[in-house]
C-alpha cells in the first residue's frame, strides 16, 4: 500500500507540478503587468511560449547542449518525484544540485560570453542555495529524528513550531531560485537584466523549452518544501503560500537587482541569522521542546 501511494504521489507531481508552476508564472506576469499599469499577457502565456519553443527549428550552439538540458529537466523532475514520495531530503537536495550542474554545463558548452557569465553566476546561485537546503534537512532531522520527509507527517504538531527561522530563510532562497529581483543574478524574465538571458542566452527551441519546464518543477519543489513545514495545518500552508506569492511580486517590482556580491552577502547573512541560529537554539533546548 505504501509503495502504491508513493507511486501515485510521484506520478501526481510529475503531471501536475508543471501545470501549477506554469499557472503561477502566468499569474506572476499578469499581476506584474497590472502593478505597472500594463495589460500584460494572458495567464496561459507561459504554456504558449513553451509550445512555440518546442516547435521551433533546431539551432544548437553546441552538440552536447541537448544532452545537458535533458539531464537538467530529468533530474529536477526526479528530485520532485522523490520529494512527493516522502523520500530522503538529503537525496532531494543532492539530486537538485546535480541537476543545476547540467544547466551550468549547458551554458558553458556554448561559445558565447553572456552564456559563460550566466553560467558563473548560476554556479554562485547554487553555492548560495546549497547551505540553506542542508540547514533545512538538518532542521527536519533534529525535529523528526530522520531525514525521511514522510516522518514529518507523523509528528504530533507541525514542524514549523520548532523551525520558524528555516521557513524565513527559505523565502530568500525562493526569491533567488525564481530569478526575482533583487536576486536575479544569473537570468531574468525581464528586460532589465544586463546579461540579456544570462545562463539561457545560448539556448533555443526544444532545449530552452525543457529549461523553462524544469524551472516550473523547481519552483514547485521549493514551494512544497515550505508547505511541508506546516504538515497537518493545511489552511495555514495555503495562507502562507498566498502571502509568499504576493510578497515575491511586490519585492520583484519594488527592489532593483543587486550585484552578485551583494546577493551572496545578504542571503548568507540571512541564512546565518535565521537558519543557523534556529538550529543552534533547537539543539540547546531539544530535550525541552521535543
C-alpha atoms as a PDB file:
ATOM      1  CA  UNK A   1       0.000   0.000   0.000  1.00  0.00           C
ATOM      2  CA  UNK A   2       2.837   2.394   0.885  1.00  0.00           C
ATOM      3  CA  UNK A   3       4.568   1.630  -2.404  1.00  0.00           C
ATOM      4  CA  UNK A   4       1.347   2.279  -4.312  1.00  0.00           C
ATOM      5  CA  UNK A   5       0.849   5.628  -2.541  1.00  0.00           C
ATOM      6  CA  UNK A   6       4.447   6.572  -3.291  1.00  0.00           C
ATOM      7  CA  UNK A   7       3.961   5.807  -6.988  1.00  0.00           C
ATOM      8  CA  UNK A   8       0.721   7.811  -7.062  1.00  0.00           C
ATOM      9  CA  UNK A   9       2.455  10.744  -5.334  1.00  0.00           C
ATOM     10  CA  UNK A  10       5.368  10.686  -7.794  1.00  0.00           C
ATOM     11  CA  UNK A  11       3.099  10.497 -10.844  1.00  0.00           C
ATOM     12  CA  UNK A  12       0.857  13.257  -9.482  1.00  0.00           C
ATOM     13  CA  UNK A  13       3.868  15.531  -9.010  1.00  0.00           C
ATOM     14  CA  UNK A  14       5.261  14.813 -12.476  1.00  0.00           C
ATOM     15  CA  UNK A  15       1.887  15.593 -14.079  1.00  0.00           C
ATOM     16  CA  UNK A  16       0.519  18.468 -12.005  1.00  0.00           C
ATOM     17  CA  UNK A  17       3.666  20.302 -10.836  1.00  0.00           C
ATOM     18  CA  UNK A  18       4.478  21.828 -14.250  1.00  0.00           C
ATOM     19  CA  UNK A  19       0.802  22.741 -14.755  1.00  0.00           C
ATOM     20  CA  UNK A  20       0.596  24.543 -11.418  1.00  0.00           C
ATOM     21  CA  UNK A  21       4.070  26.014 -11.876  1.00  0.00           C
ATOM     22  CA  UNK A  22       3.184  27.349 -15.315  1.00  0.00           C
ATOM     23  CA  UNK A  23      -0.042  28.858 -13.980  1.00  0.00           C
ATOM     24  CA  UNK A  24       1.869  30.551 -11.152  1.00  0.00           C
ATOM     25  CA  UNK A  25       4.282  32.030 -13.690  1.00  0.00           C
ATOM     26  CA  UNK A  26       1.291  33.215 -15.729  1.00  0.00           C
ATOM     27  CA  UNK A  27      -0.288  34.818 -12.654  1.00  0.00           C
ATOM     28  CA  UNK A  28       3.083  36.400 -11.901  1.00  0.00           C
ATOM     29  CA  UNK A  29       3.139  38.057 -15.337  1.00  0.00           C
ATOM     30  CA  UNK A  30      -0.466  39.215 -15.115  1.00  0.00           C
ATOM     31  CA  UNK A  31      -0.139  40.761 -11.644  1.00  0.00           C
ATOM     32  CA  UNK A  32       3.219  42.319 -12.514  1.00  0.00           C
ATOM     33  CA  UNK A  33       1.653  43.927 -15.578  1.00  0.00           C
ATOM     34  CA  UNK A  34      -1.242  45.264 -13.513  1.00  0.00           C
ATOM     35  CA  UNK A  35       1.158  46.727 -10.942  1.00  0.00           C
ATOM     36  CA  UNK A  36       2.947  48.509 -13.793  1.00  0.00           C
ATOM     37  CA  UNK A  37      -0.322  49.742 -15.375  1.00  0.00           C
ATOM     38  CA  UNK A  38       0.043  47.410 -18.359  1.00  0.00           C
ATOM     39  CA  UNK A  39      -2.419  44.982 -19.905  1.00  0.00           C
ATOM     40  CA  UNK A  40       0.073  42.154 -19.879  1.00  0.00           C
ATOM     41  CA  UNK A  41      -0.085  38.695 -21.445  1.00  0.00           C
ATOM     42  CA  UNK A  42      -2.817  36.090 -20.887  1.00  0.00           C
ATOM     43  CA  UNK A  43      -2.443  33.859 -17.864  1.00  0.00           C
ATOM     44  CA  UNK A  44      -1.629  30.848 -20.099  1.00  0.00           C
ATOM     45  CA  UNK A  45       1.196  32.675 -21.900  1.00  0.00           C
ATOM     46  CA  UNK A  46       3.972  30.522 -20.314  1.00  0.00           C
ATOM     47  CA  UNK A  47       2.378  27.422 -21.864  1.00  0.00           C
ATOM     48  CA  UNK A  48       2.052  29.151 -25.233  1.00  0.00           C
ATOM     49  CA  UNK A  49       5.727  30.087 -25.052  1.00  0.00           C
ATOM     50  CA  UNK A  50       6.840  26.526 -24.310  1.00  0.00           C
ATOM     51  CA  UNK A  51       4.689  25.074 -27.116  1.00  0.00           C
ATOM     52  CA  UNK A  52       6.079  27.644 -29.550  1.00  0.00           C
ATOM     53  CA  UNK A  53       9.651  26.897 -28.469  1.00  0.00           C
ATOM     54  CA  UNK A  54       9.057  23.156 -28.838  1.00  0.00           C
ATOM     55  CA  UNK A  55       8.084  23.586 -32.494  1.00  0.00           C
ATOM     56  CA  UNK A  56      10.887  25.955 -33.424  1.00  0.00           C
ATOM     57  CA  UNK A  57      13.610  24.933 -35.855  1.00  0.00           C
ATOM     58  CA  UNK A  58      16.654  23.301 -34.261  1.00  0.00           C
ATOM     59  CA  UNK A  59      19.543  25.707 -33.792  1.00  0.00           C
ATOM     60  CA  UNK A  60      22.158  24.351 -31.395  1.00  0.00           C
ATOM     61  CA  UNK A  61      25.247  26.335 -30.456  1.00  0.00           C
ATOM     62  CA  UNK A  62      26.809  23.126 -29.112  1.00  0.00           C
ATOM     63  CA  UNK A  63      26.205  19.452 -29.986  1.00  0.00           C
ATOM     64  CA  UNK A  64      26.071  18.443 -26.296  1.00  0.00           C
ATOM     65  CA  UNK A  65      23.509  21.107 -25.397  1.00  0.00           C
ATOM     66  CA  UNK A  66      20.586  18.698 -25.829  1.00  0.00           C
ATOM     67  CA  UNK A  67      22.182  16.132 -23.513  1.00  0.00           C
ATOM     68  CA  UNK A  68      22.800  18.651 -20.745  1.00  0.00           C
ATOM     69  CA  UNK A  69      19.367  20.301 -20.908  1.00  0.00           C
ATOM     70  CA  UNK A  70      17.613  16.924 -20.976  1.00  0.00           C
ATOM     71  CA  UNK A  71      19.610  15.767 -17.947  1.00  0.00           C
ATOM     72  CA  UNK A  72      18.694  19.004 -16.179  1.00  0.00           C
ATOM     73  CA  UNK A  73      14.968  18.503 -16.756  1.00  0.00           C
ATOM     74  CA  UNK A  74      15.033  14.794 -15.848  1.00  0.00           C
ATOM     75  CA  UNK A  75      16.955  15.324 -12.601  1.00  0.00           C
ATOM     76  CA  UNK A  76      14.780  18.240 -11.456  1.00  0.00           C
ATOM     77  CA  UNK A  77      11.660  16.172 -12.158  1.00  0.00           C
ATOM     78  CA  UNK A  78      13.232  13.206 -10.362  1.00  0.00           C
ATOM     79  CA  UNK A  79      14.017  15.408  -7.338  1.00  0.00           C
ATOM     80  CA  UNK A  80      10.395  16.499  -7.183  1.00  0.00           C
ATOM     81  CA  UNK A  81       9.094  12.962  -7.568  1.00  0.00           C
ATOM     82  CA  UNK A  82      11.342  11.825  -4.705  1.00  0.00           C
ATOM     83  CA  UNK A  83      10.007  14.699  -2.597  1.00  0.00           C
ATOM     84  CA  UNK A  84       6.414  13.716  -3.396  1.00  0.00           C
ATOM     85  CA  UNK A  85       7.030  10.152  -2.207  1.00  0.00           C
ATOM     86  CA  UNK A  86       8.269  11.391   1.175  1.00  0.00           C
ATOM     87  CA  UNK A  87      11.814  10.248   0.446  1.00  0.00           C
ATOM     88  CA  UNK A  88      15.153  11.270   1.900  1.00  0.00           C
ATOM     89  CA  UNK A  89      15.527  15.065   1.950  1.00  0.00           C
ATOM     90  CA  UNK A  90      19.307  14.805   1.520  1.00  0.00           C
ATOM     91  CA  UNK A  91      18.869  12.846  -1.711  1.00  0.00           C
ATOM     92  CA  UNK A  92      16.428  15.507  -2.923  1.00  0.00           C
ATOM     93  CA  UNK A  93      18.969  18.254  -2.177  1.00  0.00           C
ATOM     94  CA  UNK A  94      21.875  16.432  -3.851  1.00  0.00           C
ATOM     95  CA  UNK A  95      19.791  15.485  -6.888  1.00  0.00           C
ATOM     96  CA  UNK A  96      18.658  19.097  -7.288  1.00  0.00           C
ATOM     97  CA  UNK A  97      22.255  20.303  -7.064  1.00  0.00           C
ATOM     98  CA  UNK A  98      23.370  17.778  -9.675  1.00  0.00           C
ATOM     99  CA  UNK A  99      20.565  18.966 -11.963  1.00  0.00           C
ATOM    100  CA  UNK A 100      21.819  22.545 -11.791  1.00  0.00           C
ATOM    101  CA  UNK A 101      25.295  21.309 -12.630  1.00  0.00           C
ATOM    102  CA  UNK A 102      23.990  20.134 -16.009  1.00  0.00           C
ATOM    103  CA  UNK A 103      22.344  23.521 -16.644  1.00  0.00           C
ATOM    104  CA  UNK A 104      25.675  25.194 -15.910  1.00  0.00           C
ATOM    105  CA  UNK A 105      27.451  22.783 -18.265  1.00  0.00           C
ATOM    106  CA  UNK A 106      24.896  23.561 -20.989  1.00  0.00           C
ATOM    107  CA  UNK A 107      25.678  27.269 -20.651  1.00  0.00           C
ATOM    108  CA  UNK A 108      29.439  26.659 -20.622  1.00  0.00           C
ATOM    109  CA  UNK A 109      29.197  24.480 -23.734  1.00  0.00           C
ATOM    110  CA  UNK A 110      28.199  27.492 -25.842  1.00  0.00           C
ATOM    111  CA  UNK A 111      30.799  29.816 -27.315  1.00  0.00           C
ATOM    112  CA  UNK A 112      29.040  32.949 -26.053  1.00  0.00           C
ATOM    113  CA  UNK A 113      30.281  35.450 -23.427  1.00  0.00           C
ATOM    114  CA  UNK A 114      26.839  36.203 -21.940  1.00  0.00           C
ATOM    115  CA  UNK A 115      26.199  32.480 -21.584  1.00  0.00           C
ATOM    116  CA  UNK A 116      29.530  31.919 -19.808  1.00  0.00           C
ATOM    117  CA  UNK A 117      28.955  34.791 -17.387  1.00  0.00           C
ATOM    118  CA  UNK A 118      25.446  33.490 -16.748  1.00  0.00           C
ATOM    119  CA  UNK A 119      26.890  30.027 -16.035  1.00  0.00           C
ATOM    120  CA  UNK A 120      29.299  31.508 -13.496  1.00  0.00           C
ATOM    121  CA  UNK A 121      26.504  33.359 -11.760  1.00  0.00           C
ATOM    122  CA  UNK A 122      24.282  30.271 -11.806  1.00  0.00           C
ATOM    123  CA  UNK A 123      27.141  28.435 -10.110  1.00  0.00           C
ATOM    124  CA  UNK A 124      27.243  31.176  -7.468  1.00  0.00           C
ATOM    125  CA  UNK A 125      23.471  30.862  -7.078  1.00  0.00           C
ATOM    126  CA  UNK A 126      23.759  27.123  -6.442  1.00  0.00           C
ATOM    127  CA  UNK A 127      26.618  27.759  -3.999  1.00  0.00           C
ATOM    128  CA  UNK A 128      24.341  30.169  -2.092  1.00  0.00           C
ATOM    129  CA  UNK A 129      21.366  27.797  -2.101  1.00  0.00           C
ATOM    130  CA  UNK A 130      23.144  24.608  -1.037  1.00  0.00           C
ATOM    131  CA  UNK A 131      23.959  25.564   2.612  1.00  0.00           C
ATOM    132  CA  UNK A 132      20.365  26.715   3.139  1.00  0.00           C
ATOM    133  CA  UNK A 133      18.936  23.423   1.883  1.00  0.00           C
ATOM    134  CA  UNK A 134      21.389  21.487   4.061  1.00  0.00           C
ATOM    135  CA  UNK A 135      20.198  23.511   7.068  1.00  0.00           C
ATOM    136  CA  UNK A 136      16.611  22.697   6.065  1.00  0.00           C
ATOM    137  CA  UNK A 137      17.488  18.996   6.068  1.00  0.00           C
ATOM    138  CA  UNK A 138      19.277  19.361   9.425  1.00  0.00           C
ATOM    139  CA  UNK A 139      16.222  21.042  10.920  1.00  0.00           C
ATOM    140  CA  UNK A 140      13.950  18.238   9.709  1.00  0.00           C
ATOM    141  CA  UNK A 141      16.327  15.661  11.191  1.00  0.00           C
ATOM    142  CA  UNK A 142      16.568  17.398  14.568  1.00  0.00           C
ATOM    143  CA  UNK A 143      12.784  17.584  14.872  1.00  0.00           C
ATOM    144  CA  UNK A 144      11.803  14.163  13.496  1.00  0.00           C
ATOM    145  CA  UNK A 145      14.979  12.154  14.113  1.00  0.00           C
ATOM    146  CA  UNK A 146      15.025  11.171  10.440  1.00  0.00           C
ATOM    147  CA  UNK A 147      15.852  12.595   7.024  1.00  0.00           C
ATOM    148  CA  UNK A 148      12.746  10.923   5.575  1.00  0.00           C
ATOM    149  CA  UNK A 149      10.136  13.534   4.705  1.00  0.00           C
ATOM    150  CA  UNK A 150       7.287  11.121   5.363  1.00  0.00           C
ATOM    151  CA  UNK A 151       8.154  11.316   9.085  1.00  0.00           C
ATOM    152  CA  UNK A 152       7.168  14.995   9.102  1.00  0.00           C
ATOM    153  CA  UNK A 153       3.511  13.937   8.835  1.00  0.00           C
ATOM    154  CA  UNK A 154       3.896  11.610  11.821  1.00  0.00           C
ATOM    155  CA  UNK A 155       4.695  14.463  14.173  1.00  0.00           C
ATOM    156  CA  UNK A 156       2.027  15.492  16.642  1.00  0.00           C
ATOM    157  CA  UNK A 157       2.478  19.169  15.778  1.00  0.00           C
ATOM    158  CA  UNK A 158       3.664  20.953  12.625  1.00  0.00           C
ATOM    159  CA  UNK A 159       7.450  21.203  12.450  1.00  0.00           C
ATOM    160  CA  UNK A 160       7.147  24.956  11.799  1.00  0.00           C
ATOM    161  CA  UNK A 161       6.638  25.291  15.563  1.00  0.00           C
ATOM    162  CA  UNK A 162      10.264  24.241  16.064  1.00  0.00           C
ATOM    163  CA  UNK A 163      11.966  25.748  12.999  1.00  0.00           C
ATOM    164  CA  UNK A 164      10.263  29.058  12.067  1.00  0.00           C
ATOM    165  CA  UNK A 165      13.642  30.550  11.173  1.00  0.00           C
ATOM    166  CA  UNK A 166      14.110  27.880   8.499  1.00  0.00           C
ATOM    167  CA  UNK A 167      10.865  28.985   6.818  1.00  0.00           C
ATOM    168  CA  UNK A 168      12.002  32.627   6.678  1.00  0.00           C
ATOM    169  CA  UNK A 169      15.383  31.506   5.362  1.00  0.00           C
ATOM    170  CA  UNK A 170      13.672  29.503   2.597  1.00  0.00           C
ATOM    171  CA  UNK A 171      11.816  32.628   1.493  1.00  0.00           C
ATOM    172  CA  UNK A 172      15.098  34.293   0.480  1.00  0.00           C
ATOM    173  CA  UNK A 173      16.121  31.116  -1.354  1.00  0.00           C
ATOM    174  CA  UNK A 174      12.782  31.134  -3.189  1.00  0.00           C
ATOM    175  CA  UNK A 175      13.466  34.684  -4.390  1.00  0.00           C
ATOM    176  CA  UNK A 176      16.887  33.606  -5.608  1.00  0.00           C
ATOM    177  CA  UNK A 177      15.742  30.498  -7.469  1.00  0.00           C
ATOM    178  CA  UNK A 178      12.685  32.152  -9.022  1.00  0.00           C
ATOM    179  CA  UNK A 179      15.129  34.651 -10.551  1.00  0.00           C
ATOM    180  CA  UNK A 180      13.313  37.569  -8.953  1.00  0.00           C
ATOM    181  CA  UNK A 181      14.697  40.969  -8.018  1.00  0.00           C
ATOM    182  CA  UNK A 182      16.787  41.778  -6.139  1.00  0.00           C
ATOM    183  CA  UNK A 183      18.487  38.384  -6.605  1.00  0.00           C
ATOM    184  CA  UNK A 184      18.056  37.704 -10.351  1.00  0.00           C
ATOM    185  CA  UNK A 185      21.803  37.498 -10.928  1.00  0.00           C
ATOM    186  CA  UNK A 186      22.058  34.671 -13.477  1.00  0.00           C
ATOM    187  CA  UNK A 187      18.976  35.218 -15.638  1.00  0.00           C
ATOM    188  CA  UNK A 188      15.662  37.054 -15.577  1.00  0.00           C
ATOM    189  CA  UNK A 189      12.303  37.145 -17.326  1.00  0.00           C
ATOM    190  CA  UNK A 190      12.523  40.915 -17.573  1.00  0.00           C
ATOM    191  CA  UNK A 191      14.391  43.222 -19.928  1.00  0.00           C
ATOM    192  CA  UNK A 192      16.432  44.962 -17.238  1.00  0.00           C
ATOM    193  CA  UNK A 193      18.884  42.036 -16.924  1.00  0.00           C
ATOM    194  CA  UNK A 194      22.258  43.265 -18.164  1.00  0.00           C
ATOM    195  CA  UNK A 195      23.182  39.710 -19.214  1.00  0.00           C
ATOM    196  CA  UNK A 196      20.246  39.539 -21.659  1.00  0.00           C
ATOM    197  CA  UNK A 197      19.160  35.989 -20.677  1.00  0.00           C
ATOM    198  CA  UNK A 198      22.376  35.007 -18.957  1.00  0.00           C
ATOM    199  CA  UNK A 199      22.596  31.281 -18.360  1.00  0.00           C
ATOM    200  CA  UNK A 200      19.937  30.564 -21.025  1.00  0.00           C
ATOM    201  CA  UNK A 201      21.090  33.098 -23.643  1.00  0.00           C
ATOM    202  CA  UNK A 202      22.560  30.379 -25.900  1.00  0.00           C
ATOM    203  CA  UNK A 203      19.526  28.087 -25.654  1.00  0.00           C
ATOM    204  CA  UNK A 204      16.680  27.966 -28.146  1.00  0.00           C
ATOM    205  CA  UNK A 205      13.876  25.730 -29.368  1.00  0.00           C
ATOM    206  CA  UNK A 206      13.267  22.488 -27.506  1.00  0.00           C
ATOM    207  CA  UNK A 207      16.295  22.947 -25.267  1.00  0.00           C
ATOM    208  CA  UNK A 208      15.017  26.265 -23.938  1.00  0.00           C
ATOM    209  CA  UNK A 209      11.530  24.760 -23.571  1.00  0.00           C
ATOM    210  CA  UNK A 210      12.964  21.980 -21.389  1.00  0.00           C
ATOM    211  CA  UNK A 211      14.735  24.519 -19.197  1.00  0.00           C
ATOM    212  CA  UNK A 212      11.521  26.530 -18.773  1.00  0.00           C
ATOM    213  CA  UNK A 213       9.571  23.416 -17.713  1.00  0.00           C
ATOM    214  CA  UNK A 214      12.394  22.481 -15.334  1.00  0.00           C
ATOM    215  CA  UNK A 215      12.081  25.948 -13.763  1.00  0.00           C
ATOM    216  CA  UNK A 216       8.403  25.241 -13.121  1.00  0.00           C
ATOM    217  CA  UNK A 217       9.309  21.955 -11.455  1.00  0.00           C
ATOM    218  CA  UNK A 218      11.957  23.659  -9.335  1.00  0.00           C
ATOM    219  CA  UNK A 219       9.559  26.391  -8.216  1.00  0.00           C
ATOM    220  CA  UNK A 220       7.076  23.744  -7.070  1.00  0.00           C
ATOM    221  CA  UNK A 221       9.814  21.840  -5.209  1.00  0.00           C
ATOM    222  CA  UNK A 222      10.802  24.926  -3.205  1.00  0.00           C
ATOM    223  CA  UNK A 223       7.174  25.824  -2.514  1.00  0.00           C
ATOM    224  CA  UNK A 224       6.480  22.231  -1.432  1.00  0.00           C
ATOM    225  CA  UNK A 225       9.425  22.352   0.978  1.00  0.00           C
ATOM    226  CA  UNK A 226       7.942  25.466   2.589  1.00  0.00           C
ATOM    227  CA  UNK A 227       4.425  24.000   2.736  1.00  0.00           C
ATOM    228  CA  UNK A 228       5.794  20.771   4.240  1.00  0.00           C
ATOM    229  CA  UNK A 229       6.808  22.650   7.376  1.00  0.00           C
ATOM    230  CA  UNK A 230       3.120  23.189   8.164  1.00  0.00           C
ATOM    231  CA  UNK A 231       2.360  19.435   7.729  1.00  0.00           C
ATOM    232  CA  UNK A 232      -1.159  18.879   9.111  1.00  0.00           C
ATOM    233  CA  UNK A 233      -2.207  22.567   9.200  1.00  0.00           C
ATOM    234  CA  UNK A 234      -3.073  22.851   5.511  1.00  0.00           C
ATOM    235  CA  UNK A 235      -5.133  26.053   5.830  1.00  0.00           C
ATOM    236  CA  UNK A 236      -2.103  27.816   7.301  1.00  0.00           C
ATOM    237  CA  UNK A 237       0.016  26.393   4.460  1.00  0.00           C
ATOM    238  CA  UNK A 238      -2.342  27.815   1.821  1.00  0.00           C
ATOM    239  CA  UNK A 239      -2.402  31.216   3.533  1.00  0.00           C
ATOM    240  CA  UNK A 240       1.379  31.176   3.759  1.00  0.00           C
ATOM    241  CA  UNK A 241       1.612  30.380   0.045  1.00  0.00           C
ATOM    242  CA  UNK A 242      -0.647  33.314  -0.865  1.00  0.00           C
ATOM    243  CA  UNK A 243       1.319  35.696   1.343  1.00  0.00           C
ATOM    244  CA  UNK A 244       4.624  34.495  -0.107  1.00  0.00           C
ATOM    245  CA  UNK A 245       3.332  34.824  -3.682  1.00  0.00           C
ATOM    246  CA  UNK A 246       2.287  38.453  -3.220  1.00  0.00           C
ATOM    247  CA  UNK A 247       5.441  39.317  -1.282  1.00  0.00           C
ATOM    248  CA  UNK A 248       7.546  37.930  -4.136  1.00  0.00           C
ATOM    249  CA  UNK A 249       5.599  40.066  -6.622  1.00  0.00           C
ATOM    250  CA  UNK A 250       5.935  43.221  -4.534  1.00  0.00           C
ATOM    251  CA  UNK A 251       9.652  42.731  -3.879  1.00  0.00           C
ATOM    252  CA  UNK A 252      10.299  41.930  -7.540  1.00  0.00           C
ATOM    253  CA  UNK A 253       8.621  45.163  -8.661  1.00  0.00           C
ATOM    254  CA  UNK A 254       9.895  47.462  -5.910  1.00  0.00           C
ATOM    255  CA  UNK A 255      13.533  46.486  -5.419  1.00  0.00           C
ATOM    256  CA  UNK A 256      16.237  46.818  -8.097  1.00  0.00           C
ATOM    257  CA  UNK A 257      18.596  43.974  -8.905  1.00  0.00           C
ATOM    258  CA  UNK A 258      21.715  43.880  -6.740  1.00  0.00           C
ATOM    259  CA  UNK A 259      25.183  42.653  -7.688  1.00  0.00           C
ATOM    260  CA  UNK A 260      26.175  39.034  -7.202  1.00  0.00           C
ATOM    261  CA  UNK A 261      28.498  40.059  -4.358  1.00  0.00           C
ATOM    262  CA  UNK A 262      25.620  41.712  -2.505  1.00  0.00           C
ATOM    263  CA  UNK A 263      23.411  38.701  -3.209  1.00  0.00           C
ATOM    264  CA  UNK A 264      25.950  36.369  -1.594  1.00  0.00           C
ATOM    265  CA  UNK A 265      26.334  38.606   1.468  1.00  0.00           C
ATOM    266  CA  UNK A 266      22.630  39.188   2.050  1.00  0.00           C
ATOM    267  CA  UNK A 267      21.454  35.618   1.638  1.00  0.00           C
ATOM    268  CA  UNK A 268      24.316  34.106   3.615  1.00  0.00           C
ATOM    269  CA  UNK A 269      23.735  36.618   6.422  1.00  0.00           C
ATOM    270  CA  UNK A 270      20.041  35.702   6.320  1.00  0.00           C
ATOM    271  CA  UNK A 271      20.957  32.007   6.383  1.00  0.00           C
ATOM    272  CA  UNK A 272      23.340  32.565   9.306  1.00  0.00           C
ATOM    273  CA  UNK A 273      20.908  34.612  11.376  1.00  0.00           C
ATOM    274  CA  UNK A 274      17.702  32.703  10.680  1.00  0.00           C
ATOM    275  CA  UNK A 275      18.823  29.196   9.792  1.00  0.00           C
ATOM    276  CA  UNK A 276      21.911  28.599  11.904  1.00  0.00           C
ATOM    277  CA  UNK A 277      20.549  30.401  14.983  1.00  0.00           C
ATOM    278  CA  UNK A 278      17.323  28.379  14.746  1.00  0.00           C
ATOM    279  CA  UNK A 279      19.288  25.136  14.561  1.00  0.00           C
ATOM    280  CA  UNK A 280      21.523  26.148  17.491  1.00  0.00           C
ATOM    281  CA  UNK A 281      18.539  27.090  19.672  1.00  0.00           C
ATOM    282  CA  UNK A 282      16.805  23.847  18.729  1.00  0.00           C
ATOM    283  CA  UNK A 283      19.945  21.908  19.673  1.00  0.00           C
ATOM    284  CA  UNK A 284      20.223  23.631  23.039  1.00  0.00           C
ATOM    285  CA  UNK A 285      16.592  23.166  24.030  1.00  0.00           C
ATOM    286  CA  UNK A 286      15.981  19.907  22.125  1.00  0.00           C
ATOM    287  CA  UNK A 287      15.154  17.930  25.236  1.00  0.00           C
ATOM    288  CA  UNK A 288      12.622  20.523  26.401  1.00  0.00           C
ATOM    289  CA  UNK A 289      10.969  21.358  23.064  1.00  0.00           C
ATOM    290  CA  UNK A 290      10.615  17.849  21.602  1.00  0.00           C
END
